[in-house]
Amino acid sequence: MQRKAALWITGAFSTSPGPGVEALAGLLPFHLLLERLNYRAILRIGTLSETHPVRSLLAGHMLGKAKPHPLSYQLMSRRQKLNTKGPIMEIVKRLPELTEHLEPLASHARPGHRFRDRYWSRIHFEELVGVGHCFAWHV
């Protein structure tokens, strides 16, 4: 499927070599794309609030203020930890790689503090002529 997308993006012939067309289209090999998406998802766990239910399945400082679930990683035996595979195990293994603190609820993103909320009188929406349903912001 990725080869078909690369052919569509580049407009190359169907007999063109797949990896070359994918490189020209700027597409990552599929296994690397999945690895990147997996890594992003794991790092996104670091932005969850300290009381989020998923944190109750983790261990140590990753628990935050959540109470450990009876089936959490923290309460598993060494043998169970070695034999269990899944997303939670991968999160526990890779989340310590996160070196910076990510705020789950940034103070400037709260309702009432956003750009549109603070400068509502200066923002005007106008319909562009001849373009259809597009709108422009004038600040």
C-alpha atoms as a PDB file:
ATOM      1  CA  MET A   1       0.000   0.000   0.000  1.00  0.00           C
ATOM      2  CA  GLN A   2       2.865   2.371   0.784  1.00  0.00           C
ATOM      3  CA  ARG A   3       4.342   1.701  -2.656  1.00  0.00           C
ATOM      4  CA  LYS A   4       1.040   2.652  -4.288  1.00  0.00           C
ATOM      5  CA  ALA A   5       0.981   5.880  -2.283  1.00  0.00           C
ATOM      6  CA  ALA A   6       4.565   6.655  -3.312  1.00  0.00           C
ATOM      7  CA  LEU A   7       3.704   6.062  -6.970  1.00  0.00           C
ATOM      8  CA  TRP A   8       0.703   8.358  -6.633  1.00  0.00           C
ATOM      9  CA  ILE A   9       2.730  11.102  -4.900  1.00  0.00           C
ATOM     10  CA  THR A  10       5.613  11.069  -7.374  1.00  0.00           C
ATOM     11  CA  GLY A  11       3.688  10.182 -10.515  1.00  0.00           C
ATOM     12  CA  ALA A  12       6.289   7.515 -11.316  1.00  0.00           C
ATOM     13  CA  PHE A  13       5.657   4.502 -13.534  1.00  0.00           C
ATOM     14  CA  SER A  14       4.312   1.341 -11.928  1.00  0.00           C
ATOM     15  CA  THR A  15       7.496  -0.502 -12.949  1.00  0.00           C
ATOM     16  CA  SER A  16       9.674   1.872 -10.892  1.00  0.00           C
ATOM     17  CA  PRO A  17      11.536   0.258  -7.979  1.00  0.00           C
ATOM     18  CA  GLY A  18       9.544   0.587  -4.728  1.00  0.00           C
ATOM     19  CA  PRO A  19      12.268   1.727  -2.287  1.00  0.00           C
ATOM     20  CA  GLY A  20      13.529   4.364  -4.718  1.00  0.00           C
ATOM     21  CA  VAL A  21      10.061   5.793  -5.281  1.00  0.00           C
ATOM     22  CA  GLU A  22       9.388   5.809  -1.518  1.00  0.00           C
ATOM     23  CA  ALA A  23      12.645   7.706  -0.940  1.00  0.00           C
ATOM     24  CA  LEU A  24      11.759  10.268  -3.614  1.00  0.00           C
ATOM     25  CA  ALA A  25       8.294  10.687  -2.086  1.00  0.00           C
ATOM     26  CA  GLY A  26       9.864  11.294   1.335  1.00  0.00           C
ATOM     27  CA  LEU A  27       8.169   8.293   2.944  1.00  0.00           C
ATOM     28  CA  LEU A  28       9.868   6.366   5.720  1.00  0.00           C
ATOM     29  CA  PRO A  29      10.038   2.594   5.439  1.00  0.00           C
ATOM     30  CA  PHE A  30       6.927   1.242   7.099  1.00  0.00           C
ATOM     31  CA  HIS A  31       8.676  -0.432  10.045  1.00  0.00           C
ATOM     32  CA  LEU A  32      10.448   2.840  10.906  1.00  0.00           C
ATOM     33  CA  LEU A  33       7.191   4.767  10.614  1.00  0.00           C
ATOM     34  CA  LEU A  34       5.513   2.378  13.067  1.00  0.00           C
ATOM     35  CA  GLU A  35       8.472   2.641  15.448  1.00  0.00           C
ATOM     36  CA  ARG A  36       8.299   6.456  15.359  1.00  0.00           C
ATOM     37  CA  LEU A  37       4.541   6.457  16.023  1.00  0.00           C
ATOM     38  CA  ASN A  38       5.027   3.980  18.871  1.00  0.00           C
ATOM     39  CA  TYR A  39       7.732   6.162  20.441  1.00  0.00           C
ATOM     40  CA  ARG A  40       5.524   9.264  20.191  1.00  0.00           C
ATOM     41  CA  ALA A  41       2.645   7.421  21.852  1.00  0.00           C
ATOM     42  CA  ILE A  42       4.901   6.327  24.702  1.00  0.00           C
ATOM     43  CA  LEU A  43       6.179   9.869  25.241  1.00  0.00           C
ATOM     44  CA  ARG A  44       2.599  11.142  25.164  1.00  0.00           C
ATOM     45  CA  ILE A  45       1.953   9.003  28.261  1.00  0.00           C
ATOM     46  CA  GLY A  46       4.369  11.351  30.055  1.00  0.00           C
ATOM     47  CA  THR A  47       1.910  14.200  29.527  1.00  0.00           C
ATOM     48  CA  LEU A  48      -0.967  12.475  31.315  1.00  0.00           C
ATOM     49  CA  SER A  49      -2.133  14.043  34.552  1.00  0.00           C
ATOM     50  CA  GLU A  50      -0.770  12.547  37.772  1.00  0.00           C
ATOM     51  CA  THR A  51      -4.108  10.933  38.599  1.00  0.00           C
ATOM     52  CA  HIS A  52      -4.848   9.454  35.162  1.00  0.00           C
ATOM     53  CA  PRO A  53      -6.066   5.808  35.364  1.00  0.00           C
ATOM     54  CA  VAL A  54      -3.308   4.542  33.030  1.00  0.00           C
ATOM     55  CA  ARG A  55      -0.700   5.680  35.552  1.00  0.00           C
ATOM     56  CA  SER A  56      -2.100   3.202  38.089  1.00  0.00           C
ATOM     57  CA  LEU A  57      -0.703   0.400  35.887  1.00  0.00           C
ATOM     58  CA  LEU A  58       2.861   1.784  35.888  1.00  0.00           C
ATOM     59  CA  ALA A  59       5.584   1.707  38.553  1.00  0.00           C
ATOM     60  CA  GLY A  60       7.722   4.004  40.689  1.00  0.00           C
ATOM     61  CA  HIS A  61       7.770   7.708  39.874  1.00  0.00           C
ATOM     62  CA  MET A  62       5.620   7.019  36.791  1.00  0.00           C
ATOM     63  CA  LEU A  63       2.679   6.294  39.105  1.00  0.00           C
ATOM     64  CA  GLY A  64       2.361   9.939  40.018  1.00  0.00           C
ATOM     65  CA  LYS A  65      -0.396  10.350  42.605  1.00  0.00           C
ATOM     66  CA  ALA A  66      -2.334   7.326  41.325  1.00  0.00           C
ATOM     67  CA  LYS A  67      -2.883   4.330  43.572  1.00  0.00           C
ATOM     68  CA  PRO A  68      -1.332   1.126  42.109  1.00  0.00           C
ATOM     69  CA  HIS A  69      -3.825  -1.189  40.420  1.00  0.00           C
ATOM     70  CA  PRO A  70      -3.809  -4.802  41.742  1.00  0.00           C
ATOM     71  CA  LEU A  71      -2.453  -5.943  38.353  1.00  0.00           C
ATOM     72  CA  SER A  72       0.041  -3.085  37.937  1.00  0.00           C
ATOM     73  CA  TYR A  73       3.674  -3.485  36.913  1.00  0.00           C
ATOM     74  CA  GLN A  74       4.806  -2.435  40.375  1.00  0.00           C
ATOM     75  CA  LEU A  75       3.053  -5.384  42.037  1.00  0.00           C
ATOM     76  CA  MET A  76       4.254  -8.038  39.536  1.00  0.00           C
ATOM     77  CA  SER A  77       6.849 -10.645  40.457  1.00  0.00           C
ATOM     78  CA  ARG A  78      10.162 -10.697  38.601  1.00  0.00           C
ATOM     79  CA  ARG A  79       9.044 -13.758  36.643  1.00  0.00           C
ATOM     80  CA  GLN A  80       5.771 -12.094  35.629  1.00  0.00           C
ATOM     81  CA  LYS A  81       7.655  -9.002  34.455  1.00  0.00           C
ATOM     82  CA  LEU A  82       9.916 -11.126  32.242  1.00  0.00           C
ATOM     83  CA  ASN A  83       7.055 -13.158  30.734  1.00  0.00           C
ATOM     84  CA  THR A  84       4.583 -10.328  30.161  1.00  0.00           C
ATOM     85  CA  LYS A  85       4.605  -8.428  26.883  1.00  0.00           C
ATOM     86  CA  GLY A  86       2.453  -5.493  25.879  1.00  0.00           C
ATOM     87  CA  PRO A  87       2.087  -1.735  25.733  1.00  0.00           C
ATOM     88  CA  ILE A  88       2.362  -1.171  29.492  1.00  0.00           C
ATOM     89  CA  MET A  89       5.634  -3.121  29.623  1.00  0.00           C
ATOM     90  CA  GLU A  90       7.021  -1.055  26.766  1.00  0.00           C
ATOM     91  CA  ILE A  91       5.923   2.180  28.449  1.00  0.00           C
ATOM     92  CA  VAL A  92       7.685   1.189  31.679  1.00  0.00           C
ATOM     93  CA  LYS A  93      10.822   0.350  29.700  1.00  0.00           C
ATOM     94  CA  ARG A  94      10.955   3.446  27.475  1.00  0.00           C
ATOM     95  CA  LEU A  95       9.279   6.239  29.456  1.00  0.00           C
ATOM     96  CA  PRO A  96      12.389   6.881  31.600  1.00  0.00           C
ATOM     97  CA  GLU A  97      14.048   8.082  28.360  1.00  0.00           C
ATOM     98  CA  LEU A  98      11.900  11.217  28.666  1.00  0.00           C
ATOM     99  CA  THR A  99      14.309  13.863  29.938  1.00  0.00           C
ATOM    100  CA  GLU A 100      12.120  16.960  30.047  1.00  0.00           C
ATOM    101  CA  HIS A 101       9.032  17.686  32.099  1.00  0.00           C
ATOM    102  CA  LEU A 102       5.912  18.023  29.972  1.00  0.00           C
ATOM    103  CA  GLU A 103       2.955  19.930  31.387  1.00  0.00           C
ATOM    104  CA  PRO A 104      -0.326  18.131  30.731  1.00  0.00           C
ATOM    105  CA  LEU A 105      -2.325  21.317  31.240  1.00  0.00           C
ATOM    106  CA  ALA A 106      -0.317  24.347  30.174  1.00  0.00           C
ATOM    107  CA  SER A 107      -1.327  27.529  31.991  1.00  0.00           C
ATOM    108  CA  HIS A 108      -1.584  29.579  28.780  1.00  0.00           C
ATOM    109  CA  ALA A 109      -3.947  27.012  27.189  1.00  0.00           C
ATOM    110  CA  ARG A 110      -6.657  27.256  29.846  1.00  0.00           C
ATOM    111  CA  PRO A 111     -10.018  28.672  28.769  1.00  0.00           C
ATOM    112  CA  GLY A 112      -9.951  32.434  29.198  1.00  0.00           C
ATOM    113  CA  HIS A 113      -6.196  32.637  28.576  1.00  0.00           C
ATOM    114  CA  ARG A 114      -6.124  31.644  24.909  1.00  0.00           C
ATOM    115  CA  PHE A 115      -5.288  34.098  22.145  1.00  0.00           C
ATOM    116  CA  ARG A 116      -8.891  34.335  20.936  1.00  0.00           C
ATOM    117  CA  ASP A 117     -10.195  34.806  24.480  1.00  0.00           C
ATOM    118  CA  ARG A 118      -7.788  37.610  25.347  1.00  0.00           C
ATOM    119  CA  TYR A 119      -7.923  39.565  22.078  1.00  0.00           C
ATOM    120  CA  TRP A 120     -11.470  38.849  20.900  1.00  0.00           C
ATOM    121  CA  SER A 121     -12.143  42.502  20.042  1.00  0.00           C
ATOM    122  CA  ARG A 122      -9.173  42.613  17.644  1.00  0.00           C
ATOM    123  CA  ILE A 123     -10.022  39.486  15.653  1.00  0.00           C
ATOM    124  CA  HIS A 124     -12.442  39.799  12.756  1.00  0.00           C
ATOM    125  CA  PHE A 125     -13.663  37.014  10.504  1.00  0.00           C
ATOM    126  CA  GLU A 126     -14.279  37.962   6.892  1.00  0.00           C
ATOM    127  CA  GLU A 127     -15.391  35.784   4.019  1.00  0.00           C
ATOM    128  CA  LEU A 128     -12.976  35.856   1.101  1.00  0.00           C
ATOM    129  CA  VAL A 129     -14.587  36.829  -2.193  1.00  0.00           C
ATOM    130  CA  GLY A 130     -14.718  34.111  -4.844  1.00  0.00           C
ATOM    131  CA  VAL A 131     -13.077  31.411  -2.764  1.00  0.00           C
ATOM    132  CA  GLY A 132     -16.170  29.734  -1.356  1.00  0.00           C
ATOM    133  CA  HIS A 133     -16.355  28.869   2.318  1.00  0.00           C
ATOM    134  CA  CYS A 134     -12.871  30.022   3.352  1.00  0.00           C
ATOM    135  CA  PHE A 135     -12.403  32.564   6.094  1.00  0.00           C
ATOM    136  CA  ALA A 136      -9.504  34.839   6.978  1.00  0.00           C
ATOM    137  CA  TRP A 137      -8.388  36.150  10.336  1.00  0.00           C
ATOM    138  CA  HIS A 138      -7.451  39.811  10.489  1.00  0.00           C
ATOM    139  CA  VAL A 139      -5.609  40.738  13.655  1.00  0.00           C
END
